[in-house]
Amino acid sequence: MEYFRISSSAVLEICAQAKRGYETVQKQEEYGFLFGALPADGHLHIKTAVPYRGGIRSRTMVDLDGATTKRRWRQLQRQLRSTFFGSYHTHVEIAGGVSARLSEIDVQQFRSDSDARIELLAVVWASNHRGLPPPLSKTLAGFDPASGYQYRLKAYVKSDGRVKPVVLQVGA
């Protein structure tokens, strides 16, 4: 089974960014980079999530300049002395609903990025339900009692021309 490990600090950073985007006046998607290491067991270990402030943001997308974005992750890769694995972005609740899947545009952009091995989607929404959201296959779920927000994280990889979800495990 193919899986990725992600550090708890990276999960917390991604959720903090999702919350930030959710709490902006008009709500907006957030975007960032994933860095880590490839240990001997062959399963990628995401150690760091770094928010990216570039691009134009809206409630339903982040529009990026590919060349500028690539320069920035390469610079961060050198500074962090870590391997670039891909990116994350968020989907926020709008009018009581939230998409917990990659959009067709998300899939096309991920496929076209030859450097990205993984795309991580973080979903955030407010809920009256106090506790973890119901489990879904290959998805991490979380709940923040202070804000009442629920979160889901799902990782995707490219395989045989398709984009498919993979297991994401929280580890050191």
C-alpha atoms as a PDB file:
ATOM      1  CA  MET A   1       0.000   0.000   0.000  1.00  0.00           C
ATOM      2  CA  GLU A   2       1.327   3.418  -0.928  1.00  0.00           C
ATOM      3  CA  TYR A   3       1.291   5.992   1.846  1.00  0.00           C
ATOM      4  CA  PHE A   4       2.901   9.227   2.985  1.00  0.00           C
ATOM      5  CA  ARG A   5       3.919  10.263   6.451  1.00  0.00           C
ATOM      6  CA  ILE A   6       3.274  13.835   7.496  1.00  0.00           C
ATOM      7  CA  SER A   7       4.597  15.480  10.639  1.00  0.00           C
ATOM      8  CA  SER A   8       2.114  16.798  13.172  1.00  0.00           C
ATOM      9  CA  SER A   9       3.697  20.255  12.844  1.00  0.00           C
ATOM     10  CA  ALA A  10       2.978  20.229   9.087  1.00  0.00           C
ATOM     11  CA  VAL A  11      -0.638  19.194   9.752  1.00  0.00           C
ATOM     12  CA  LEU A  12      -1.028  22.024  12.289  1.00  0.00           C
ATOM     13  CA  GLU A  13       0.443  24.562   9.840  1.00  0.00           C
ATOM     14  CA  ILE A  14      -1.887  23.462   7.052  1.00  0.00           C
ATOM     15  CA  CYS A  15      -4.912  23.617   9.360  1.00  0.00           C
ATOM     16  CA  ALA A  16      -3.836  27.069  10.610  1.00  0.00           C
ATOM     17  CA  GLN A  17      -3.677  28.276   7.004  1.00  0.00           C
ATOM     18  CA  ALA A  18      -7.076  26.744   6.241  1.00  0.00           C
ATOM     19  CA  LYS A  19      -8.496  28.548   9.276  1.00  0.00           C
ATOM     20  CA  ARG A  20      -6.867  31.807   8.168  1.00  0.00           C
ATOM     21  CA  GLY A  21      -8.471  31.579   4.746  1.00  0.00           C
ATOM     22  CA  TYR A  22     -11.819  30.617   6.230  1.00  0.00           C
ATOM     23  CA  GLU A  23     -11.779  33.597   8.587  1.00  0.00           C
ATOM     24  CA  THR A  24     -10.878  36.250   5.999  1.00  0.00           C
ATOM     25  CA  VAL A  25     -13.750  38.629   5.259  1.00  0.00           C
ATOM     26  CA  GLN A  26     -14.698  37.025   1.934  1.00  0.00           C
ATOM     27  CA  LYS A  27     -13.160  33.599   2.726  1.00  0.00           C
ATOM     28  CA  GLN A  28     -10.370  32.462   0.454  1.00  0.00           C
ATOM     29  CA  GLU A  29      -8.370  29.409  -0.508  1.00  0.00           C
ATOM     30  CA  GLU A  30      -4.843  29.145   0.835  1.00  0.00           C
ATOM     31  CA  TYR A  31      -1.825  27.549  -0.844  1.00  0.00           C
ATOM     32  CA  GLY A  32       1.590  26.312   0.226  1.00  0.00           C
ATOM     33  CA  PHE A  33       4.481  23.957  -0.388  1.00  0.00           C
ATOM     34  CA  LEU A  34       5.328  20.551   1.093  1.00  0.00           C
ATOM     35  CA  PHE A  35       8.922  19.568   1.871  1.00  0.00           C
ATOM     36  CA  GLY A  36      10.456  16.517   3.435  1.00  0.00           C
ATOM     37  CA  ALA A  37      12.678  13.501   3.051  1.00  0.00           C
ATOM     38  CA  LEU A  38      12.647  10.135   1.337  1.00  0.00           C
ATOM     39  CA  PRO A  39      13.774   7.617   3.975  1.00  0.00           C
ATOM     40  CA  ALA A  40      15.060   4.135   3.201  1.00  0.00           C
ATOM     41  CA  ASP A  41      11.572   2.615   3.412  1.00  0.00           C
ATOM     42  CA  GLY A  42      10.631   4.540   0.245  1.00  0.00           C
ATOM     43  CA  HIS A  43       7.570   6.275   1.726  1.00  0.00           C
ATOM     44  CA  LEU A  44       7.736  10.063   1.479  1.00  0.00           C
ATOM     45  CA  HIS A  45       7.876  11.865   4.798  1.00  0.00           C
ATOM     46  CA  ILE A  46       6.436  15.379   4.686  1.00  0.00           C
ATOM     47  CA  LYS A  47       8.170  17.304   7.435  1.00  0.00           C
ATOM     48  CA  THR A  48       7.335  20.914   6.617  1.00  0.00           C
ATOM     49  CA  ALA A  49       4.411  22.832   5.155  1.00  0.00           C
ATOM     50  CA  VAL A  50       5.271  26.383   4.100  1.00  0.00           C
ATOM     51  CA  PRO A  51       2.507  28.861   3.238  1.00  0.00           C
ATOM     52  CA  TYR A  52       2.903  30.720  -0.063  1.00  0.00           C
ATOM     53  CA  ARG A  53       1.599  34.271  -0.108  1.00  0.00           C
ATOM     54  CA  GLY A  54       1.847  34.757  -3.885  1.00  0.00           C
ATOM     55  CA  GLY A  55      -0.949  34.469  -6.383  1.00  0.00           C
ATOM     56  CA  ILE A  56      -4.437  35.873  -6.603  1.00  0.00           C
ATOM     57  CA  ARG A  57      -6.916  34.265  -4.224  1.00  0.00           C
ATOM     58  CA  SER A  58     -10.652  33.893  -4.222  1.00  0.00           C
ATOM     59  CA  ARG A  59     -13.203  31.745  -2.446  1.00  0.00           C
ATOM     60  CA  THR A  60     -12.801  28.969  -5.004  1.00  0.00           C
ATOM     61  CA  MET A  61      -9.240  29.184  -6.359  1.00  0.00           C
ATOM     62  CA  VAL A  62      -5.673  30.392  -6.134  1.00  0.00           C
ATOM     63  CA  ASP A  63      -4.295  31.678  -9.431  1.00  0.00           C
ATOM     64  CA  LEU A  64      -0.490  31.304  -9.489  1.00  0.00           C
ATOM     65  CA  ASP A  65       2.298  32.481 -11.772  1.00  0.00           C
ATOM     66  CA  GLY A  66       4.069  29.183 -12.451  1.00  0.00           C
ATOM     67  CA  ALA A  67       7.578  30.592 -12.941  1.00  0.00           C
ATOM     68  CA  THR A  68       7.457  32.758  -9.801  1.00  0.00           C
ATOM     69  CA  THR A  69       6.002  29.916  -7.732  1.00  0.00           C
ATOM     70  CA  LYS A  70       8.689  27.500  -8.920  1.00  0.00           C
ATOM     71  CA  ARG A  71      11.474  29.989  -8.112  1.00  0.00           C
ATOM     72  CA  ARG A  72      10.083  30.368  -4.606  1.00  0.00           C
ATOM     73  CA  TRP A  73       9.848  26.647  -3.806  1.00  0.00           C
ATOM     74  CA  ARG A  74      13.358  26.092  -5.186  1.00  0.00           C
ATOM     75  CA  GLN A  75      14.657  28.865  -2.941  1.00  0.00           C
ATOM     76  CA  LEU A  76      12.885  27.330   0.060  1.00  0.00           C
ATOM     77  CA  GLN A  77      14.179  23.862  -0.827  1.00  0.00           C
ATOM     78  CA  ARG A  78      17.754  25.181  -0.617  1.00  0.00           C
ATOM     79  CA  GLN A  79      17.096  27.077   2.617  1.00  0.00           C
ATOM     80  CA  LEU A  80      15.389  24.139   4.294  1.00  0.00           C
ATOM     81  CA  ARG A  81      17.808  21.571   2.865  1.00  0.00           C
ATOM     82  CA  SER A  82      14.804  19.458   2.137  1.00  0.00           C
ATOM     83  CA  THR A  83      13.113  17.880  -0.881  1.00  0.00           C
ATOM     84  CA  PHE A  84      10.133  19.533  -2.566  1.00  0.00           C
ATOM     85  CA  PHE A  85       7.249  17.053  -2.787  1.00  0.00           C
ATOM     86  CA  GLY A  86       4.381  19.189  -3.988  1.00  0.00           C
ATOM     87  CA  SER A  87       1.796  21.551  -2.620  1.00  0.00           C
ATOM     88  CA  TYR A  88      -1.299  21.879  -0.524  1.00  0.00           C
ATOM     89  CA  HIS A  89      -4.328  24.040  -0.935  1.00  0.00           C
ATOM     90  CA  THR A  90      -7.543  24.564   0.977  1.00  0.00           C
ATOM     91  CA  HIS A  91     -11.225  24.476   0.224  1.00  0.00           C
ATOM     92  CA  VAL A  92     -13.465  26.579   2.462  1.00  0.00           C
ATOM     93  CA  GLU A  93     -17.133  26.276   3.282  1.00  0.00           C
ATOM     94  CA  ILE A  94     -19.299  28.514   1.104  1.00  0.00           C
ATOM     95  CA  ALA A  95     -23.048  28.875   1.692  1.00  0.00           C
ATOM     96  CA  GLY A  96     -23.130  25.830   3.943  1.00  0.00           C
ATOM     97  CA  GLY A  97     -21.220  23.515   1.591  1.00  0.00           C
ATOM     98  CA  VAL A  98     -17.627  22.594   0.950  1.00  0.00           C
ATOM     99  CA  SER A  99     -15.980  20.467  -1.711  1.00  0.00           C
ATOM    100  CA  ALA A 100     -13.928  17.661  -0.186  1.00  0.00           C
ATOM    101  CA  ARG A 101     -12.497  16.624  -3.572  1.00  0.00           C
ATOM    102  CA  LEU A 102     -10.023  18.044  -6.027  1.00  0.00           C
ATOM    103  CA  SER A 103     -11.772  20.051  -8.734  1.00  0.00           C
ATOM    104  CA  GLU A 104     -11.091  19.260 -12.381  1.00  0.00           C
ATOM    105  CA  ILE A 105      -8.879  22.375 -12.545  1.00  0.00           C
ATOM    106  CA  ASP A 106      -6.966  21.158  -9.451  1.00  0.00           C
ATOM    107  CA  VAL A 107      -6.420  17.779 -11.127  1.00  0.00           C
ATOM    108  CA  GLN A 108      -5.251  19.361 -14.406  1.00  0.00           C
ATOM    109  CA  GLN A 109      -2.803  21.672 -12.626  1.00  0.00           C
ATOM    110  CA  PHE A 110      -1.410  18.826 -10.530  1.00  0.00           C
ATOM    111  CA  ARG A 111      -0.972  16.602 -13.596  1.00  0.00           C
ATOM    112  CA  SER A 112       0.834  19.368 -15.489  1.00  0.00           C
ATOM    113  CA  ASP A 113       3.335  20.017 -12.671  1.00  0.00           C
ATOM    114  CA  SER A 114       6.121  17.549 -13.393  1.00  0.00           C
ATOM    115  CA  ASP A 115       7.926  18.447 -10.138  1.00  0.00           C
ATOM    116  CA  ALA A 116       4.994  17.702  -7.828  1.00  0.00           C
ATOM    117  CA  ARG A 117       4.664  14.191  -6.412  1.00  0.00           C
ATOM    118  CA  ILE A 118       1.772  14.953  -4.079  1.00  0.00           C
ATOM    119  CA  GLU A 119      -1.162  17.341  -3.837  1.00  0.00           C
ATOM    120  CA  LEU A 120      -2.742  17.701  -0.432  1.00  0.00           C
ATOM    121  CA  LEU A 121      -6.229  19.112  -0.020  1.00  0.00           C
ATOM    122  CA  ALA A 122      -7.296  20.591   3.315  1.00  0.00           C
ATOM    123  CA  VAL A 123     -10.992  21.260   3.842  1.00  0.00           C
ATOM    124  CA  VAL A 124     -12.374  23.445   6.658  1.00  0.00           C
ATOM    125  CA  TRP A 125     -15.917  24.171   7.763  1.00  0.00           C
ATOM    126  CA  ALA A 126     -17.826  25.338  10.826  1.00  0.00           C
ATOM    127  CA  SER A 127     -20.048  22.764  12.460  1.00  0.00           C
ATOM    128  CA  ASN A 128     -22.524  22.439  15.286  1.00  0.00           C
ATOM    129  CA  HIS A 129     -21.244  18.881  15.736  1.00  0.00           C
ATOM    130  CA  ARG A 130     -18.662  18.971  18.527  1.00  0.00           C
ATOM    131  CA  GLY A 131     -16.076  16.318  17.785  1.00  0.00           C
ATOM    132  CA  LEU A 132     -14.331  14.577  14.936  1.00  0.00           C
ATOM    133  CA  PRO A 133     -16.177  14.427  11.634  1.00  0.00           C
ATOM    134  CA  PRO A 134     -17.179  10.935  10.483  1.00  0.00           C
ATOM    135  CA  PRO A 135     -14.199   8.973   9.096  1.00  0.00           C
ATOM    136  CA  LEU A 136     -13.655   8.703   5.352  1.00  0.00           C
ATOM    137  CA  SER A 137     -11.278   6.365   3.547  1.00  0.00           C
ATOM    138  CA  LYS A 138      -7.702   7.674   3.182  1.00  0.00           C
ATOM    139  CA  THR A 139      -8.570  10.926   4.966  1.00  0.00           C
ATOM    140  CA  LEU A 140      -7.271  12.575   8.124  1.00  0.00           C
ATOM    141  CA  ALA A 141      -9.982  14.314  10.145  1.00  0.00           C
ATOM    142  CA  GLY A 142      -9.690  16.855  12.922  1.00  0.00           C
ATOM    143  CA  PHE A 143     -11.750  19.112  15.135  1.00  0.00           C
ATOM    144  CA  ASP A 144     -10.765  22.353  16.880  1.00  0.00           C
ATOM    145  CA  PRO A 145     -12.955  22.801  19.982  1.00  0.00           C
ATOM    146  CA  ALA A 146     -11.888  26.440  20.400  1.00  0.00           C
ATOM    147  CA  SER A 147     -13.262  27.513  17.007  1.00  0.00           C
ATOM    148  CA  GLY A 148     -15.740  24.702  16.333  1.00  0.00           C
ATOM    149  CA  TYR A 149     -14.083  24.085  12.940  1.00  0.00           C
ATOM    150  CA  GLN A 150     -13.792  20.666  11.400  1.00  0.00           C
ATOM    151  CA  TYR A 151     -10.955  19.671   9.059  1.00  0.00           C
ATOM    152  CA  ARG A 152     -10.243  16.947   6.534  1.00  0.00           C
ATOM    153  CA  LEU A 153      -6.902  16.363   4.824  1.00  0.00           C
ATOM    154  CA  LYS A 154      -6.560  14.138   1.788  1.00  0.00           C
ATOM    155  CA  ALA A 155      -3.418  13.422  -0.238  1.00  0.00           C
ATOM    156  CA  TYR A 156      -3.311  12.637  -3.958  1.00  0.00           C
ATOM    157  CA  VAL A 157      -0.561  11.252  -6.229  1.00  0.00           C
ATOM    158  CA  LYS A 158      -0.176  10.737  -9.966  1.00  0.00           C
ATOM    159  CA  SER A 159      -0.277   7.102 -11.048  1.00  0.00           C
ATOM    160  CA  ASP A 160      -0.656   5.653 -14.543  1.00  0.00           C
ATOM    161  CA  GLY A 161      -1.976   8.947 -15.906  1.00  0.00           C
ATOM    162  CA  ARG A 162      -4.569   9.247 -13.144  1.00  0.00           C
ATOM    163  CA  VAL A 163      -4.737  11.238  -9.936  1.00  0.00           C
ATOM    164  CA  LYS A 164      -5.641   8.996  -7.022  1.00  0.00           C
ATOM    165  CA  PRO A 165      -5.889   9.352  -3.236  1.00  0.00           C
ATOM    166  CA  VAL A 166      -3.278   7.752  -0.995  1.00  0.00           C
ATOM    167  CA  VAL A 167      -3.107   6.998   2.722  1.00  0.00           C
ATOM    168  CA  LEU A 168      -1.732   9.838   4.823  1.00  0.00           C
ATOM    169  CA  GLN A 169      -0.296   8.927   8.243  1.00  0.00           C
ATOM    170  CA  VAL A 170       0.685  11.376  10.941  1.00  0.00           C
ATOM    171  CA  GLY A 171       4.140  10.600  12.263  1.00  0.00           C
ATOM    172  CA  ALA A 172       7.204  12.280  13.714  1.00  0.00           C
END
